[in-house]
C-alpha atoms as a PDB file:
ATOM      1  CA  MET A   1    -128.721   7.295-136.042  1.00  0.00           C
ATOM      2  CA  LEU A   2    -129.753  10.206-133.708  1.00  0.00           C
ATOM      3  CA  TYR A   3    -130.146   7.549-130.681  1.00  0.00           C
ATOM      4  CA  ALA A   4    -126.309   6.337-131.339  1.00  0.00           C
ATOM      5  CA  LEU A   5    -125.311   9.850-131.446  1.00  0.00           C
ATOM      6  CA  ILE A   6    -127.309  10.601-128.235  1.00  0.00           C
ATOM      7  CA  LEU A   7    -125.395   7.626-126.813  1.00  0.00           C
ATOM      8  CA  GLY A   8    -122.157   8.672-128.022  1.00  0.00           C
ATOM      9  CA  LEU A   9    -122.617  12.252-126.536  1.00  0.00           C
ATOM     10  CA  LEU A  10    -123.623  10.831-123.085  1.00  0.00           C
ATOM     11  CA  ALA A  11    -120.688   8.429-122.903  1.00  0.00           C
ATOM     12  CA  LEU A  12    -118.401  11.270-123.468  1.00  0.00           C
ATOM     13  CA  ALA A  13    -120.346  13.243-120.736  1.00  0.00           C
ATOM     14  CA  THR A  14    -119.348  10.468-118.153  1.00  0.00           C
ATOM     15  CA  VAL A  15    -115.746  10.857-118.765  1.00  0.00           C
ATOM     16  CA  VAL A  16    -114.773  14.447-120.284  1.00  0.00           C
ATOM     17  CA  PRO A  17    -115.926  16.365-117.167  1.00  0.00           C
ATOM     18  CA  LEU A  18    -113.407  14.413-115.239  1.00  0.00           C
ATOM     19  CA  LEU A  19    -110.581  15.756-117.243  1.00  0.00           C
ATOM     20  CA  VAL A  20    -111.763  19.292-117.849  1.00  0.00           C
ATOM     21  CA  PHE A  21    -112.383  19.758-114.356  1.00  0.00           C
ATOM     22  CA  TRP A  22    -109.637  18.047-112.795  1.00  0.00           C
ATOM     23  CA  ALA A  23    -108.636  20.873-110.534  1.00  0.00           C
ATOM     24  CA  GLN A  24    -112.172  21.050-109.230  1.00  0.00           C
ATOM     25  CA  PRO A  25    -113.026  17.709-107.773  1.00  0.00           C
ATOM     26  CA  ALA A  26    -116.604  18.578-106.684  1.00  0.00           C
ATOM     27  CA  THR A  27    -117.706  19.828-109.995  1.00  0.00           C
ATOM     28  CA  ALA A  28    -116.120  16.872-112.005  1.00  0.00           C
ATOM     29  CA  ALA A  29    -117.704  14.570-109.582  1.00  0.00           C
ATOM     30  CA  ALA A  30    -121.135  16.068-109.620  1.00  0.00           C
ATOM     31  CA  ALA A  31    -120.999  16.186-113.330  1.00  0.00           C
ATOM     32  CA  VAL A  32    -119.731  12.708-114.177  1.00  0.00           C
ATOM     33  CA  SER A  33    -122.495  11.309-111.401  1.00  0.00           C
ATOM     34  CA  ALA A  34    -125.223  13.200-113.381  1.00  0.00           C
ATOM     35  CA  ALA A  35    -124.230  11.771-116.643  1.00  0.00           C
ATOM     36  CA  SER A  36    -123.447   8.335-115.517  1.00  0.00           C
ATOM     37  CA  LEU A  37    -127.053   8.218-113.569  1.00  0.00           C
ATOM     38  CA  LEU A  38    -128.820   9.734-116.505  1.00  0.00           C
ATOM     39  CA  SER A  39    -127.117   7.016-118.724  1.00  0.00           C
ATOM     40  CA  LEU A  40    -128.460   4.103-116.481  1.00  0.00           C
ATOM     41  CA  THR A  41    -131.954   5.669-115.511  1.00  0.00           C
ATOM     42  CA  ALA A  42    -132.842   6.981-119.220  1.00  0.00           C
ATOM     43  CA  PHE A  43    -131.227   4.762-121.511  1.00  0.00           C
ATOM     44  CA  GLU A  44    -130.099   1.684-119.339  1.00  0.00           C
ATOM     45  CA  THR A  45    -126.327   1.754-120.296  1.00  0.00           C
ATOM     46  CA  LEU A  46    -122.901   2.894-119.208  1.00  0.00           C
ATOM     47  CA  THR A  47    -119.659   2.330-120.613  1.00  0.00           C
ATOM     48  CA  VAL A  48    -116.815   0.973-118.871  1.00  0.00           C
ATOM     49  CA  ALA A  49    -114.818   4.376-119.058  1.00  0.00           C
ATOM     50  CA  GLY A  50    -117.904   5.781-117.612  1.00  0.00           C
ATOM     51  CA  ALA A  51    -118.007   3.441-114.653  1.00  0.00           C
ATOM     52  CA  ALA A  52    -114.276   4.166-114.186  1.00  0.00           C
ATOM     53  CA  ALA A  53    -114.661   7.817-114.390  1.00  0.00           C
ATOM     54  CA  GLN A  54    -117.338   7.744-111.457  1.00  0.00           C
ATOM     55  CA  LEU A  55    -115.061   5.733-109.040  1.00  0.00           C
ATOM     56  CA  ILE A  56    -111.960   7.982-109.983  1.00  0.00           C
ATOM     57  CA  ALA A  57    -114.298  11.079-109.352  1.00  0.00           C
ATOM     58  CA  GLY A  58    -115.684   9.497-106.067  1.00  0.00           C
ATOM     59  CA  TYR A  59    -112.212   8.745-104.844  1.00  0.00           C
ATOM     60  CA  ARG A  60    -110.789  12.294-105.602  1.00  0.00           C
ATOM     61  CA  ILE A  61    -113.714  14.055-104.107  1.00  0.00           C
ATOM     62  CA  GLY A  62    -113.367  11.886-100.784  1.00  0.00           C
ATOM     63  CA  ARG A  63    -109.593  12.891-100.925  1.00  0.00           C
ATOM     64  CA  HIS A  64    -109.733  16.484-101.851  1.00  0.00           C
ATOM     65  CA  GLY A  65    -113.347  17.806-101.182  1.00  0.00           C
ATOM     66  CA  LEU A  66    -116.187  17.356 -98.795  1.00  0.00           C
ATOM     67  CA  PRO A  67    -116.439  13.784 -97.580  1.00  0.00           C
ATOM     68  CA  GLN A  68    -120.390  14.206 -97.111  1.00  0.00           C
ATOM     69  CA  LEU A  69    -120.618  15.204-100.810  1.00  0.00           C
ATOM     70  CA  ALA A  70    -118.616  12.021-101.669  1.00  0.00           C
ATOM     71  CA  MET A  71    -120.921   9.825 -99.893  1.00  0.00           C
ATOM     72  CA  LEU A  72    -124.114  11.777-101.370  1.00  0.00           C
ATOM     73  CA  LEU A  73    -122.964  11.201-104.960  1.00  0.00           C
ATOM     74  CA  ALA A  74    -122.576   7.464-104.275  1.00  0.00           C
ATOM     75  CA  ALA A  75    -125.868   6.901-102.548  1.00  0.00           C
ATOM     76  CA  PRO A  76    -128.102   7.124-105.936  1.00  0.00           C
ATOM     77  CA  TYR A  77    -126.316   3.780-106.995  1.00  0.00           C
ATOM     78  CA  LEU A  78    -127.397   2.194-103.827  1.00  0.00           C
ATOM     79  CA  ALA A  79    -130.845   2.969-104.516  1.00  0.00           C
ATOM     80  CA  LEU A  80    -130.778   1.809-107.985  1.00  0.00           C
ATOM     81  CA  ALA A  81    -129.342  -1.508-106.917  1.00  0.00           C
ATOM     82  CA  PHE A  82    -132.077  -1.774-104.227  1.00  0.00           C
ATOM     83  CA  VAL A  83    -135.114  -1.038-106.665  1.00  0.00           C
ATOM     84  CA  GLY A  84    -133.405  -3.441-109.337  1.00  0.00           C
ATOM     85  CA  HIS A  85    -133.616  -0.944-112.195  1.00  0.00           C
ATOM     86  CA  GLY A  86    -132.929  -2.280-115.690  1.00  0.00           C
ATOM     87  CA  GLY A  87    -131.938  -5.521-117.322  1.00  0.00           C
ATOM     88  CA  SER A  88    -129.663  -8.134-115.982  1.00  0.00           C
ATOM     89  CA  GLU A  89    -126.449  -6.653-117.636  1.00  0.00           C
ATOM     90  CA  VAL A  90    -127.549  -2.907-116.331  1.00  0.00           C
ATOM     91  CA  HIS A  91    -128.434  -4.624-113.021  1.00  0.00           C
ATOM     92  CA  VAL A  92    -125.243  -6.208-112.825  1.00  0.00           C
ATOM     93  CA  LEU A  93    -123.392  -2.967-113.638  1.00  0.00           C
ATOM     94  CA  THR A  94    -125.392  -1.149-111.153  1.00  0.00           C
ATOM     95  CA  MET A  95    -124.553  -3.452-108.285  1.00  0.00           C
ATOM     96  CA  LEU A  96    -120.983  -2.849-109.201  1.00  0.00           C
ATOM     97  CA  LEU A  97    -121.182   0.873-109.020  1.00  0.00           C
ATOM     98  CA  ALA A  98    -123.220   0.367-105.814  1.00  0.00           C
ATOM     99  CA  SER A  99    -120.575  -1.457-104.178  1.00  0.00           C
ATOM    100  CA  LEU A 100    -117.481   0.251-105.543  1.00  0.00           C
ATOM    101  CA  ALA A 101    -118.747   3.852-105.596  1.00  0.00           C
ATOM    102  CA  PRO A 102    -118.909   4.257-101.817  1.00  0.00           C
ATOM    103  CA  ALA A 103    -115.763   2.158-101.474  1.00  0.00           C
ATOM    104  CA  ALA A 104    -113.869   4.606-103.631  1.00  0.00           C
ATOM    105  CA  ALA A 105    -115.501   7.650-101.702  1.00  0.00           C
ATOM    106  CA  LEU A 106    -114.543   6.061 -98.261  1.00  0.00           C
ATOM    107  CA  ALA A 107    -110.842   5.179 -99.664  1.00  0.00           C
ATOM    108  CA  GLY A 108    -110.311   8.876-100.586  1.00  0.00           C
ATOM    109  CA  ILE A 109    -111.634   9.902 -97.243  1.00  0.00           C
ATOM    110  CA  ALA A 110    -109.301   7.510 -95.600  1.00  0.00           C
ATOM    111  CA  ARG A 111    -106.401   8.873 -97.310  1.00  0.00           C
ATOM    112  CA  ARG A 112    -107.350  12.211 -96.647  1.00  0.00           C
ATOM    113  CA  ALA A 113    -107.446  11.471 -92.984  1.00  0.00           C
ATOM    114  CA  ARG A 114    -104.147   9.766 -92.883  1.00  0.00           C
ATOM    115  CA  SER A 115    -102.507  12.716 -94.449  1.00  0.00           C
ATOM    116  CA  GLU A 116    -104.068  15.277 -92.339  1.00  0.00           C
ATOM    117  CA  ALA A 117    -103.116  12.906 -89.340  1.00  0.00           C
ATOM    118  CA  ASN A 118     -99.342  12.852 -90.670  1.00  0.00           C
ATOM    119  CA  ALA A 119     -99.342  16.504 -91.238  1.00  0.00           C
ATOM    120  CA  ASN A 120    -100.933  17.071 -87.654  1.00  0.00           C
ATOM    121  CA  GLN A 121     -97.976  14.884 -86.399  1.00  0.00           C
ATOM    122  CA  ALA A 122     -95.457  16.822 -88.264  1.00  0.00           C
ATOM    123  CA  ALA A 123     -96.814  19.918 -86.868  1.00  0.00           C
ATOM    124  CA  ARG A 124     -96.844  18.672 -83.271  1.00  0.00           C
ATOM    125  CA  GLU A 125     -93.141  17.323 -83.693  1.00  0.00           C
ATOM    126  CA  VAL A 126     -92.265  20.870 -84.627  1.00  0.00           C
ATOM    127  CA  ILE A 127     -93.931  22.294 -81.908  1.00  0.00           C
ATOM    128  CA  THR A 128     -92.576  19.937 -79.332  1.00  0.00           C
ATOM    129  CA  GLY A 129     -89.078  20.693 -80.801  1.00  0.00           C
ATOM    130  CA  THR A 130     -89.814  24.418 -80.477  1.00  0.00           C
ATOM    131  CA  LEU A 131     -90.602  24.007 -77.032  1.00  0.00           C
ATOM    132  CA  LEU A 132     -87.741  22.103 -76.051  1.00  0.00           C
ATOM    133  CA  GLU A 133     -85.398  24.509 -77.929  1.00  0.00           C
ATOM    134  CA  HIS A 134     -86.773  27.414 -75.813  1.00  0.00           C
ATOM    135  CA  THR A 135     -86.712  25.566 -72.824  1.00  0.00           C
ATOM    136  CA  ALA A 136     -83.075  24.797 -73.252  1.00  0.00           C
ATOM    137  CA  ARG A 137     -82.355  28.457 -74.298  1.00  0.00           C
ATOM    138  CA  GLY A 138     -84.062  29.365 -71.026  1.00  0.00           C
ATOM    139  CA  GLU A 139     -82.154  27.116 -69.040  1.00  0.00           C
ATOM    140  CA  ARG A 140     -78.899  28.124 -70.651  1.00  0.00           C
ATOM    141  CA  ALA A 141     -79.954  31.795 -69.582  1.00  0.00           C
ATOM    142  CA  ARG A 142     -80.430  30.878 -66.301  1.00  0.00           C
ATOM    143  CA  ILE A 143     -77.062  28.835 -66.080  1.00  0.00           C
ATOM    144  CA  ALA A 144     -75.079  31.590 -67.616  1.00  0.00           C
ATOM    145  CA  ARG A 145     -76.739  34.541 -65.119  1.00  0.00           C
ATOM    146  CA  GLU A 146     -76.247  32.268 -62.078  1.00  0.00           C
ATOM    147  CA  LEU A 147     -72.396  31.529 -62.949  1.00  0.00           C
ATOM    148  CA  HIS A 148     -71.961  35.113 -63.613  1.00  0.00           C
ATOM    149  CA  ASP A 149     -73.673  36.518 -60.512  1.00  0.00           C
ATOM    150  CA  VAL A 150     -72.851  34.100 -57.910  1.00  0.00           C
ATOM    151  CA  VAL A 151     -69.372  32.235 -59.140  1.00  0.00           C
ATOM    152  CA  ALA A 152     -68.039  35.053 -60.825  1.00  0.00           C
ATOM    153  CA  HIS A 153     -68.814  37.273 -57.657  1.00  0.00           C
ATOM    154  CA  HIS A 154     -66.868  34.946 -55.386  1.00  0.00           C
ATOM    155  CA  ILE A 155     -64.085  34.544 -57.635  1.00  0.00           C
ATOM    156  CA  SER A 156     -63.829  38.020 -57.907  1.00  0.00           C
ATOM    157  CA  MET A 157     -63.555  38.185 -54.052  1.00  0.00           C
ATOM    158  CA  VAL A 158     -60.712  35.919 -54.137  1.00  0.00           C
ATOM    159  CA  VAL A 159     -58.775  38.033 -56.421  1.00  0.00           C
ATOM    160  CA  VAL A 160     -59.364  41.071 -54.313  1.00  0.00           C
ATOM    161  CA  GLN A 161     -58.605  39.380 -51.030  1.00  0.00           C
ATOM    162  CA  ALA A 162     -55.396  37.693 -52.284  1.00  0.00           C
ATOM    163  CA  GLU A 163     -54.090  41.090 -53.459  1.00  0.00           C
ATOM    164  CA  THR A 164     -55.219  42.733 -50.374  1.00  0.00           C
ATOM    165  CA  ALA A 165     -53.242  39.853 -48.267  1.00  0.00           C
ATOM    166  CA  ARG A 166     -50.150  40.305 -50.484  1.00  0.00           C
ATOM    167  CA  LEU A 167     -50.104  44.055 -50.128  1.00  0.00           C
ATOM    168  CA  THR A 168     -51.072  44.751 -46.515  1.00  0.00           C
ATOM    169  CA  THR A 169     -49.501  41.733 -44.793  1.00  0.00           C
ATOM    170  CA  GLN A 170     -46.191  43.044 -43.103  1.00  0.00           C
ATOM    171  CA  GLY A 171     -43.171  40.867 -43.012  1.00  0.00           C
ATOM    172  CA  MET A 172     -44.625  38.173 -45.435  1.00  0.00           C
ATOM    173  CA  PRO A 173     -41.951  35.792 -46.884  1.00  0.00           C
ATOM    174  CA  ALA A 174     -41.330  36.311 -50.642  1.00  0.00           C
ATOM    175  CA  ALA A 175     -42.611  32.492 -51.146  1.00  0.00           C
ATOM    176  CA  GLY A 176     -46.047  33.622 -49.492  1.00  0.00           C
ATOM    177  CA  ALA A 177     -46.411  36.865 -51.346  1.00  0.00           C
ATOM    178  CA  GLN A 178     -45.661  34.790 -54.554  1.00  0.00           C
ATOM    179  CA  ARG A 179     -48.168  32.186 -53.470  1.00  0.00           C
ATOM    180  CA  LEU A 180     -50.968  34.841 -53.347  1.00  0.00           C
ATOM    181  CA  SER A 181     -49.753  36.658 -56.406  1.00  0.00           C
ATOM    182  CA  ASP A 182     -50.343  33.293 -58.160  1.00  0.00           C
ATOM    183  CA  ILE A 183     -53.757  32.869 -56.436  1.00  0.00           C
ATOM    184  CA  SER A 184     -54.851  36.118 -57.684  1.00  0.00           C
ATOM    185  CA  ASP A 185     -53.616  35.092 -61.285  1.00  0.00           C
ATOM    186  CA  THR A 186     -55.298  31.913 -61.190  1.00  0.00           C
ATOM    187  CA  ALA A 187     -58.513  33.530 -60.103  1.00  0.00           C
ATOM    188  CA  ARG A 188     -58.140  36.337 -62.957  1.00  0.00           C
ATOM    189  CA  THR A 189     -57.774  33.380 -65.645  1.00  0.00           C
ATOM    190  CA  ALA A 190     -60.523  31.592 -64.102  1.00  0.00           C
ATOM    191  CA  LEU A 191     -62.775  34.759 -64.463  1.00  0.00           C
ATOM    192  CA  THR A 192     -61.356  35.008 -68.231  1.00  0.00           C
ATOM    193  CA  GLU A 193     -62.336  31.423 -69.205  1.00  0.00           C
ATOM    194  CA  MET A 194     -65.654  31.799 -67.287  1.00  0.00           C
ATOM    195  CA  ARG A 195     -66.412  34.811 -69.677  1.00  0.00           C
ATOM    196  CA  ARG A 196     -65.876  32.822 -72.511  1.00  0.00           C
ATOM    197  CA  VAL A 197     -68.207  30.093 -71.281  1.00  0.00           C
ATOM    198  CA  LEU A 198     -70.750  32.428 -70.566  1.00  0.00           C
ATOM    199  CA  GLY A 199     -70.470  33.774 -73.863  1.00  0.00           C
ATOM    200  CA  VAL A 200     -71.235  30.482 -75.569  1.00  0.00           C
ATOM    201  CA  LEU A 201     -74.151  29.688 -72.777  1.00  0.00           C
ATOM    202  CA  ARG A 202     -75.689  32.896 -73.657  1.00  0.00           C
ATOM    203  CA  GLU A 203     -75.919  32.746 -77.332  1.00  0.00           C
ATOM    204  CA  ASP A 204     -79.448  33.040 -78.623  1.00  0.00           C
ATOM    205  CA  THR A 205     -80.677  33.662 -75.273  1.00  0.00           C
ATOM    206  CA  GLN A 206     -80.810  37.594 -75.159  1.00  0.00           C
ATOM    207  CA  ALA A 207     -84.624  37.252 -75.299  1.00  0.00           C
ATOM    208  CA  GLU A 208     -85.300  34.818 -72.661  1.00  0.00           C
ATOM    209  CA  THR A 209     -86.312  36.280 -69.116  1.00  0.00           C
ATOM    210  CA  ALA A 210     -84.468  35.884 -66.063  1.00  0.00           C
ATOM    211  CA  ASP A 211     -85.022  32.810 -63.632  1.00  0.00           C
ATOM    212  CA  ARG A 212     -87.446  33.779 -60.792  1.00  0.00           C
ATOM    213  CA  GLN A 213     -86.733  31.301 -58.031  1.00  0.00           C
ATOM    214  CA  PRO A 214     -87.471  32.834 -54.530  1.00  0.00           C
ATOM    215  CA  GLN A 215     -83.872  32.914 -52.960  1.00  0.00           C
ATOM    216  CA  PRO A 216     -81.782  34.670 -52.078  1.00  0.00           C
ATOM    217  CA  GLY A 217     -83.811  37.538 -51.038  1.00  0.00           C
ATOM    218  CA  LEU A 218     -83.524  40.863 -49.222  1.00  0.00           C
ATOM    219  CA  ARG A 219     -83.239  39.418 -45.924  1.00  0.00           C
ATOM    220  CA  GLU A 220     -79.806  38.071 -46.962  1.00  0.00           C
ATOM    221  CA  LEU A 221     -78.831  41.729 -48.293  1.00  0.00           C
ATOM    222  CA  ASN A 222     -76.999  42.565 -44.831  1.00  0.00           C
ATOM    223  CA  ASP A 223     -74.778  39.499 -45.359  1.00  0.00           C
ATOM    224  CA  LEU A 224     -74.042  40.477 -48.857  1.00  0.00           C
ATOM    225  CA  VAL A 225     -73.162  44.216 -47.883  1.00  0.00           C
ATOM    226  CA  ASP A 226     -70.834  43.124 -44.946  1.00  0.00           C
ATOM    227  CA  SER A 227     -69.070  40.652 -47.130  1.00  0.00           C
ATOM    228  CA  ALA A 228     -68.498  43.276 -49.847  1.00  0.00           C
ATOM    229  CA  ARG A 229     -67.297  45.714 -47.070  1.00  0.00           C
ATOM    230  CA  ASP A 230     -64.881  43.043 -45.802  1.00  0.00           C
ATOM    231  CA  THR A 231     -63.383  42.074 -49.069  1.00  0.00           C
ATOM    232  CA  SER A 232     -62.838  45.496 -50.311  1.00  0.00           C
ATOM    233  CA  GLY A 233     -61.872  46.953 -47.168  1.00  0.00           C
ATOM    234  CA  THR A 234     -63.675  50.298 -47.856  1.00  0.00           C
ATOM    235  CA  ALA A 235     -67.169  51.939 -46.974  1.00  0.00           C
ATOM    236  CA  THR A 236     -70.143  50.050 -48.109  1.00  0.00           C
ATOM    237  CA  ARG A 237     -73.362  51.439 -46.605  1.00  0.00           C
ATOM    238  CA  LEU A 238     -77.031  50.068 -46.713  1.00  0.00           C
ATOM    239  CA  ILE A 239     -79.427  53.018 -46.163  1.00  0.00           C
ATOM    240  CA  LEU A 240     -83.222  52.306 -45.790  1.00  0.00           C
ATOM    241  CA  HIS A 241     -85.779  54.576 -46.722  1.00  0.00           C
ATOM    242  CA  GLY A 242     -89.526  54.083 -45.725  1.00  0.00           C
ATOM    243  CA  ARG A 243     -91.087  51.042 -43.721  1.00  0.00           C
ATOM    244  CA  PRO A 244     -89.594  47.714 -45.267  1.00  0.00           C
ATOM    245  CA  THR A 245     -92.458  45.432 -46.724  1.00  0.00           C
ATOM    246  CA  THR A 246     -92.347  41.926 -47.833  1.00  0.00           C
ATOM    247  CA  LEU A 247     -92.116  41.709 -51.476  1.00  0.00           C
ATOM    248  CA  ASP A 248     -92.760  38.876 -54.324  1.00  0.00           C
ATOM    249  CA  PRO A 249     -90.060  36.532 -53.869  1.00  0.00           C
ATOM    250  CA  GLY A 250     -89.228  37.101 -57.623  1.00  0.00           C
ATOM    251  CA  VAL A 251     -88.787  40.737 -56.955  1.00  0.00           C
ATOM    252  CA  GLU A 252     -86.420  40.112 -53.995  1.00  0.00           C
ATOM    253  CA  LEU A 253     -84.315  37.700 -55.952  1.00  0.00           C
ATOM    254  CA  ALA A 254     -84.092  40.551 -58.762  1.00  0.00           C
ATOM    255  CA  ALA A 255     -83.185  43.309 -56.427  1.00  0.00           C
ATOM    256  CA  TYR A 256     -80.637  41.112 -54.508  1.00  0.00           C
ATOM    257  CA  ARG A 257     -79.016  40.204 -57.773  1.00  0.00           C
ATOM    258  CA  ILE A 258     -78.745  43.585 -59.074  1.00  0.00           C
ATOM    259  CA  ILE A 259     -77.224  44.625 -55.821  1.00  0.00           C
ATOM    260  CA  GLN A 260     -74.934  41.759 -55.858  1.00  0.00           C
ATOM    261  CA  GLU A 261     -73.533  42.774 -59.555  1.00  0.00           C
ATOM    262  CA  ALA A 262     -73.598  46.416 -58.804  1.00  0.00           C
ATOM    263  CA  LEU A 263     -71.101  45.739 -55.636  1.00  0.00           C
ATOM    264  CA  THR A 264     -69.234  43.506 -57.678  1.00  0.00           C
ATOM    265  CA  ASN A 265     -68.855  45.868 -60.692  1.00  0.00           C
ATOM    266  CA  ALA A 266     -67.886  48.723 -58.334  1.00  0.00           C
ATOM    267  CA  ARG A 267     -65.025  46.399 -57.022  1.00  0.00           C
ATOM    268  CA  ARG A 268     -63.817  45.621 -60.256  1.00  0.00           C
ATOM    269  CA  HIS A 269     -63.954  49.161 -61.827  1.00  0.00           C
ATOM    270  CA  ALA A 270     -63.503  51.257 -58.865  1.00  0.00           C
ATOM    271  CA  PRO A 271     -61.288  49.652 -56.436  1.00  0.00           C
ATOM    272  CA  GLY A 272     -61.033  51.470 -53.037  1.00  0.00           C
ATOM    273  CA  ALA A 273     -64.174  53.442 -53.954  1.00  0.00           C
ATOM    274  CA  ALA A 274     -67.084  53.694 -51.229  1.00  0.00           C
ATOM    275  CA  VAL A 275     -70.621  52.436 -52.143  1.00  0.00           C
ATOM    276  CA  ASP A 276     -73.906  53.307 -50.876  1.00  0.00           C
ATOM    277  CA  VAL A 277     -76.827  51.004 -51.378  1.00  0.00           C
ATOM    278  CA  GLU A 278     -79.924  52.524 -51.024  1.00  0.00           C
ATOM    279  CA  LEU A 279     -83.605  51.151 -50.797  1.00  0.00           C
ATOM    280  CA  HIS A 280     -86.410  53.145 -50.958  1.00  0.00           C
ATOM    281  CA  TYR A 281     -89.889  51.480 -50.042  1.00  0.00           C
ATOM    282  CA  ALA A 282     -92.778  53.357 -51.503  1.00  0.00           C
ATOM    283  CA  GLY A 283     -96.346  52.040 -51.565  1.00  0.00           C
ATOM    284  CA  GLU A 284     -96.143  48.511 -52.872  1.00  0.00           C
ATOM    285  CA  GLY A 285     -92.797  49.184 -54.995  1.00  0.00           C
ATOM    286  CA  LEU A 286     -89.214  49.308 -54.311  1.00  0.00           C
ATOM    287  CA  ARG A 287     -86.435  51.710 -55.717  1.00  0.00           C
ATOM    288  CA  LEU A 288     -82.882  50.951 -55.752  1.00  0.00           C
ATOM    289  CA  ARG A 289     -79.793  53.384 -56.110  1.00  0.00           C
ATOM    290  CA  ILE A 290     -76.368  51.991 -55.750  1.00  0.00           C
ATOM    291  CA  ARG A 291     -73.614  54.643 -56.421  1.00  0.00           C
ATOM    292  CA  ASP A 292     -69.840  54.709 -55.936  1.00  0.00           C
ATOM    293  CA  ASN A 293     -67.423  57.593 -55.670  1.00  0.00           C
ATOM    294  CA  GLY A 294     -65.145  56.104 -58.297  1.00  0.00           C
ATOM    295  CA  PRO A 295     -64.006  57.193 -61.581  1.00  0.00           C
ATOM    296  CA  GLY A 296     -67.335  56.884 -63.421  1.00  0.00           C
ATOM    297  CA  PRO A 297     -69.117  54.737 -65.751  1.00  0.00           C
ATOM    298  CA  PRO A 298     -67.005  51.480 -66.583  1.00  0.00           C
ATOM    299  CA  PRO A 299     -65.478  50.756 -70.013  1.00  0.00           C
ATOM    300  CA  THR A 300     -67.442  48.474 -72.294  1.00  0.00           C
ATOM    301  CA  SER A 301     -66.351  45.029 -71.625  1.00  0.00           C
ATOM    302  CA  PRO A 302     -64.622  42.830 -74.457  1.00  0.00           C
ATOM    303  CA  ALA A 303     -66.993  39.920 -73.328  1.00  0.00           C
ATOM    304  CA  GLY A 304     -70.114  42.105 -74.098  1.00  0.00           C
ATOM    305  CA  GLY A 305     -70.780  43.587 -70.789  1.00  0.00           C
ATOM    306  CA  HIS A 306     -73.099  40.839 -69.227  1.00  0.00           C
ATOM    307  CA  GLY A 307     -73.142  42.359 -65.935  1.00  0.00           C
ATOM    308  CA  LEU A 308     -74.892  45.670 -66.817  1.00  0.00           C
ATOM    309  CA  LEU A 309     -77.324  43.377 -69.306  1.00  0.00           C
ATOM    310  CA  GLY A 310     -77.797  40.923 -66.683  1.00  0.00           C
ATOM    311  CA  MET A 311     -79.225  43.721 -64.264  1.00  0.00           C
ATOM    312  CA  ARG A 312     -81.480  45.156 -66.788  1.00  0.00           C
ATOM    313  CA  GLU A 313     -82.630  41.457 -67.947  1.00  0.00           C
ATOM    314  CA  ARG A 314     -83.492  40.980 -64.165  1.00  0.00           C
ATOM    315  CA  ALA A 315     -85.492  44.137 -63.648  1.00  0.00           C
ATOM    316  CA  ALA A 316     -87.248  43.839 -66.809  1.00  0.00           C
ATOM    317  CA  ALA A 317     -88.198  40.174 -66.074  1.00  0.00           C
ATOM    318  CA  VAL A 318     -90.280  41.369 -62.937  1.00  0.00           C
ATOM    319  CA  GLY A 319     -91.772  44.204 -64.589  1.00  0.00           C
ATOM    320  CA  GLY A 320     -89.496  46.962 -63.608  1.00  0.00           C
ATOM    321  CA  GLU A 321     -86.681  49.065 -65.190  1.00  0.00           C
ATOM    322  CA  LEU A 322     -82.960  49.861 -64.568  1.00  0.00           C
ATOM    323  CA  HIS A 323     -80.624  52.631 -65.713  1.00  0.00           C
ATOM    324  CA  THR A 324     -77.119  53.092 -65.390  1.00  0.00           C
ATOM    325  CA  LEU A 325     -75.221  56.468 -65.590  1.00  0.00           C
ATOM    326  CA  ALA A 326     -72.463  58.868 -64.100  1.00  0.00           C
ATOM    327  CA  ALA A 327     -73.489  60.212 -61.061  1.00  0.00           C
ATOM    328  CA  VAL A 328     -73.490  63.923 -60.196  1.00  0.00           C
ATOM    329  CA  GLY A 329     -70.094  64.919 -58.579  1.00  0.00           C
ATOM    330  CA  GLY A 330     -68.451  61.685 -59.726  1.00  0.00           C
ATOM    331  CA  GLY A 331     -68.843  58.147 -59.684  1.00  0.00           C
ATOM    332  CA  PHE A 332     -71.204  55.616 -61.069  1.00  0.00           C
ATOM    333  CA  LEU A 333     -75.056  55.190 -60.343  1.00  0.00           C
ATOM    334  CA  VAL A 334     -77.143  52.296 -60.743  1.00  0.00           C
ATOM    335  CA  THR A 335     -81.026  53.168 -60.196  1.00  0.00           C
ATOM    336  CA  ALA A 336     -83.843  50.499 -60.389  1.00  0.00           C
ATOM    337  CA  ARG A 337     -87.754  50.725 -59.957  1.00  0.00           C
ATOM    338  CA  LEU A 338     -89.092  47.232 -59.258  1.00  0.00           C
ATOM    339  CA  PRO A 339     -93.062  46.580 -58.476  1.00  0.00           C
ATOM    340  CA  GLY A 340     -94.017  45.104 -55.193  1.00  0.00           C
ATOM    341  CA  LYS A 341     -95.426  41.991 -57.249  1.00  0.00           C
ATOM    342  CA  GLN A 342     -93.727  40.163 -60.006  1.00  0.00           C
ATOM    343  CA  GLU A 343     -95.523  40.976 -63.357  1.00  0.00           C
ATOM    344  CA  ALA A 344     -96.012  38.948 -66.266  1.00  0.00           C
ATOM    345  CA  VAL A 345     -93.624  39.662 -69.093  1.00  0.00           C
ATOM    346  CA  LYS A 346     -95.713  40.333 -72.226  1.00  0.00           C
END
């Protein structure tokens, strides 16, 4: 009677821990293995439910626990099968467990490895998608900035030149004046449409840094100032302080674009105003000062003020800073401090 009671309790011990410690695969596997090995070695018996519990516990610890522990708990059955422990029925059951226990553990380990591989693949896809998205945003920001700084600059020159030719050419036929007026109106419409396109391109790109291609640079600054002077028909001076030095190409590009945008803003918001462009070479850095004697700070643009924002972004992209304010005595002033070398954006 006592023997039967012990066998019954031992049979329960080979199954119950799997249910009680289901959320703790290592504990369940250790308890089931201990009870199963005790049943085999001490009483030379093991229930079918106990054998099934051993296989399930081995699979779960391989799937959710330590792979080394899963193989360690399967090893005793290999040892028992090797020494030929017990009678024929027990030996057959031991051989069965010796074959299936490691297989169950390896199946759990393989399933775990596959799940981890799928998770890693999903993570790689997310990272790749994020990188592509950031690259696309950066490219959109670069295109928007170049459209605004280059194309819009030249279109604004078309407007100014057409209006100047219409108003200053003596004896022009009415048809010719009308054509120049149409050219000016068309160019203005093109600028309006471009601002709408820029609004789309710049969407979600406010944190992107500026493109730093090394062209143009300060060597082309004389041509830019001459062009602005010829277009506006007003005094535009380039003033140098200190000994000019060769700066980082990215810094020179930023300086050129800032000056280009400042001249464009002066033509747009202060037509007829004189403009002074000053470059101060001090040590390894460069300070810019662009001032016009117009009516003062321009009104906020309905399109979002991309020009002033673009200048600040270009200065920040190379590790500098830019400020805009009303000039003392009237007019509008743009000041910028740029390093001699382009600094990494943190």
